[in-house]
Amino acid sequence: MAVSKILETRNTDIDAKDRRKIAGLLGGVLTSTYELLLTTQLVHWNVKGQIFFSVHKLTDEHYNELFKSLDIIAERMRALGSEVPVDGVNKEFALHAKVTGGDIPHMVEQLAVLHEKAAAHAREVAGESEKAEDIVTTDMLVDCMKFHEKAVWMLRAIIAK
């Protein structure tokens, strides 16, 4: 999700070039978060069997948390002076959200892998925001990493043998 220009002047000590770069990177975090939310809902709706309740409950908590994260990320993009793209975005998110099937432990492992990727991506973007001394974005991304890393632990604990 590219951000072509910073639309508004902000009273901030973060250079416009850095704000544009960070907002663009946050667009990627927004996209992957939305895709993870939709994939989490797919698992939530399709879980069955002995571990139904624990997976159903945990994925419910996760997709609600992911939904809150979307708002926080999008609002940070706006605070940096960027718009959040609206053309065809929901369709793009939906096209990338998928579960490759298999049994429930397999689907839960897929979610764990997506959370690992999301944590790594947030860490990369946090590195860039840290270089620009954008501590607000860095702090937000640290919260994202905490959530994703805890999600990995909880998901894998459910399917541990």
Protein backbone atom coordinates (compact mmCIF):
# COMPACT_ATOMS: atom_id res chain seq x y z
CA MET A 1 0.00 0.00 0.00
CA ALA A 2 1.99 2.95 -1.25
CA VAL A 3 1.55 6.45 0.07
CA SER A 4 2.40 8.90 -2.65
CA LYS A 5 2.33 12.14 -0.74
CA ILE A 6 1.83 13.61 2.66
CA LEU A 7 -1.44 15.46 2.27
CA GLU A 8 -1.36 17.80 5.21
CA THR A 9 1.27 19.75 7.03
CA ARG A 10 1.71 18.45 10.53
CA ASN A 11 3.25 20.28 13.42
CA THR A 12 5.84 17.60 14.08
CA ASP A 13 9.57 17.31 14.16
CA ILE A 14 9.46 14.24 11.94
CA ASP A 15 10.63 15.11 8.44
CA ALA A 16 7.96 14.85 5.71
CA LYS A 17 10.10 12.35 3.80
CA ASP A 18 10.32 10.13 6.88
CA ARG A 19 6.59 10.49 7.57
CA ARG A 20 5.81 9.48 3.99
CA LYS A 21 8.08 6.44 4.24
CA ILE A 22 6.71 5.36 7.61
CA ALA A 23 3.10 5.86 6.49
CA GLY A 24 3.78 3.70 3.43
CA LEU A 25 5.29 0.98 5.59
CA LEU A 26 2.33 1.20 7.95
CA GLY A 27 0.09 0.66 4.92
CA GLY A 28 1.76 -2.73 4.54
CA VAL A 29 1.21 -3.47 8.24
CA LEU A 30 -2.44 -2.47 7.82
CA THR A 31 -2.85 -4.80 4.85
CA SER A 32 -1.26 -7.81 6.56
CA THR A 33 -3.27 -7.16 9.74
CA TYR A 34 -6.52 -7.09 7.79
CA GLU A 35 -5.62 -10.30 5.98
CA LEU A 36 -4.76 -11.94 9.32
CA LEU A 37 -8.08 -10.78 10.77
CA LEU A 38 -10.01 -12.35 7.89
CA THR A 39 -7.99 -15.57 8.04
CA THR A 40 -8.57 -15.74 11.79
CA GLN A 41 -12.31 -15.41 11.19
CA LEU A 42 -12.17 -18.25 8.66
CA VAL A 43 -10.59 -20.51 11.28
CA HIS A 44 -13.06 -19.28 13.91
CA TRP A 45 -16.04 -20.15 11.69
CA ASN A 46 -14.71 -23.55 10.61
CA VAL A 47 -13.27 -25.00 13.81
CA LYS A 48 -14.77 -28.27 15.05
CA GLY A 49 -13.81 -31.27 17.09
CA GLN A 50 -12.29 -31.77 20.51
CA ILE A 51 -10.47 -28.45 20.60
CA PHE A 52 -13.44 -26.50 19.25
CA PHE A 53 -14.11 -24.38 22.31
CA SER A 54 -10.53 -23.29 23.01
CA VAL A 55 -9.79 -22.42 19.37
CA HIS A 56 -13.18 -20.78 18.82
CA LYS A 57 -12.78 -18.62 21.94
CA LEU A 58 -9.16 -17.68 21.24
CA THR A 59 -9.77 -16.78 17.59
CA ASP A 60 -12.72 -14.64 18.69
CA GLU A 61 -10.43 -12.73 21.04
CA HIS A 62 -7.77 -12.44 18.36
CA TYR A 63 -9.96 -11.10 15.59
CA ASN A 64 -11.47 -8.53 17.94
CA GLU A 65 -7.97 -7.41 18.94
CA LEU A 66 -6.87 -7.32 15.29
CA PHE A 67 -9.88 -5.17 14.43
CA LYS A 68 -8.88 -2.67 17.14
CA SER A 69 -5.32 -2.71 15.79
CA LEU A 70 -6.54 -1.80 12.31
CA ASP A 71 -8.08 1.39 13.63
CA ILE A 72 -4.95 2.32 15.57
CA ILE A 73 -2.68 1.73 12.56
CA ALA A 74 -4.94 3.63 10.15
CA GLU A 75 -5.24 6.54 12.58
CA ARG A 76 -1.45 6.66 12.93
CA MET A 77 -1.16 6.87 9.15
CA ARG A 78 -3.58 9.82 9.25
CA ALA A 79 -1.63 11.44 12.09
CA LEU A 80 1.48 11.22 9.92
CA GLY A 81 -0.45 13.16 7.26
CA SER A 82 -1.28 10.27 4.95
CA GLU A 83 -4.57 9.03 3.64
CA VAL A 84 -5.60 5.43 3.98
CA PRO A 85 -6.33 4.10 0.47
CA VAL A 86 -9.98 3.20 -0.17
CA ASP A 87 -10.11 1.95 -3.76
CA GLY A 88 -10.60 -1.81 -3.88
CA VAL A 89 -8.86 -2.33 -0.56
CA ASN A 90 -11.43 -4.70 0.98
CA LYS A 91 -11.46 -6.88 -2.12
CA GLU A 92 -7.65 -7.04 -2.07
CA PHE A 93 -7.64 -8.05 1.61
CA ALA A 94 -10.27 -10.73 1.03
CA LEU A 95 -8.34 -12.22 -1.89
CA HIS A 96 -5.29 -12.83 0.29
CA ALA A 97 -7.12 -14.20 3.34
CA LYS A 98 -7.21 -17.96 3.17
CA VAL A 99 -6.79 -21.14 5.09
CA THR A 100 -5.33 -24.02 3.12
CA GLY A 101 -7.57 -26.50 4.87
CA GLY A 102 -6.61 -29.65 6.62
CA ASP A 103 -7.41 -30.46 10.19
CA ILE A 104 -7.79 -27.89 12.94
CA PRO A 105 -4.21 -28.22 14.27
CA HIS A 106 -3.00 -27.48 10.73
CA MET A 107 -5.21 -24.37 10.48
CA VAL A 108 -4.10 -23.19 13.93
CA GLU A 109 -0.47 -23.63 12.88
CA GLN A 110 -1.19 -21.53 9.78
CA LEU A 111 -2.42 -18.75 12.06
CA ALA A 112 0.69 -19.06 14.23
CA VAL A 113 2.91 -18.69 11.16
CA LEU A 114 0.95 -15.60 10.02
CA HIS A 115 1.34 -14.06 13.48
CA GLU A 116 5.10 -14.76 13.35
CA LYS A 117 5.31 -13.00 9.99
CA ALA A 118 3.25 -10.09 11.31
CA ALA A 119 5.55 -9.72 14.34
CA ALA A 120 8.63 -9.77 12.10
CA HIS A 121 7.08 -7.20 9.76
CA ALA A 122 6.17 -4.92 12.68
CA ARG A 123 9.75 -5.25 13.96
CA GLU A 124 11.14 -4.17 10.56
CA VAL A 125 8.85 -1.14 10.37
CA ALA A 126 9.65 -0.27 14.00
CA GLY A 127 13.31 -0.19 13.03
CA GLU A 128 12.53 2.40 10.36
CA SER A 129 10.34 4.48 12.67
CA GLU A 130 13.05 4.33 15.31
CA LYS A 131 15.61 5.68 12.81
CA ALA A 132 13.26 8.59 12.12
CA GLU A 133 12.83 9.12 15.87
CA ASP A 134 9.10 8.51 15.53
CA ILE A 135 8.61 7.09 18.99
CA VAL A 136 4.81 7.09 18.75
CA THR A 137 4.86 4.73 15.76
CA THR A 138 7.60 2.64 17.34
CA ASP A 139 5.59 2.30 20.54
CA MET A 140 2.48 1.31 18.58
CA LEU A 141 4.46 -1.34 16.71
CA VAL A 142 5.93 -2.70 19.95
CA ASP A 143 2.35 -3.26 21.10
CA CYS A 144 1.65 -5.08 17.82
CA MET A 145 4.70 -7.29 18.32
CA LYS A 146 3.62 -8.13 21.88
CA PHE A 147 0.19 -9.18 20.65
CA HIS A 148 1.49 -11.29 17.76
CA GLU A 149 4.19 -13.02 19.81
CA LYS A 150 1.68 -13.87 22.55
CA ALA A 151 -0.75 -15.14 19.89
CA VAL A 152 1.93 -17.48 18.52
CA TRP A 153 2.57 -18.89 21.98
CA MET A 154 -1.15 -19.38 22.73
CA LEU A 155 -1.99 -20.92 19.36
CA ARG A 156 0.91 -23.35 19.52
CA ALA A 157 0.08 -24.23 23.14
CA ILE A 158 -3.41 -25.28 22.05
CA ILE A 159 -2.09 -27.72 19.45
CA ALA A 160 0.96 -28.95 21.38
CA LYS A 161 1.21 -32.70 21.73
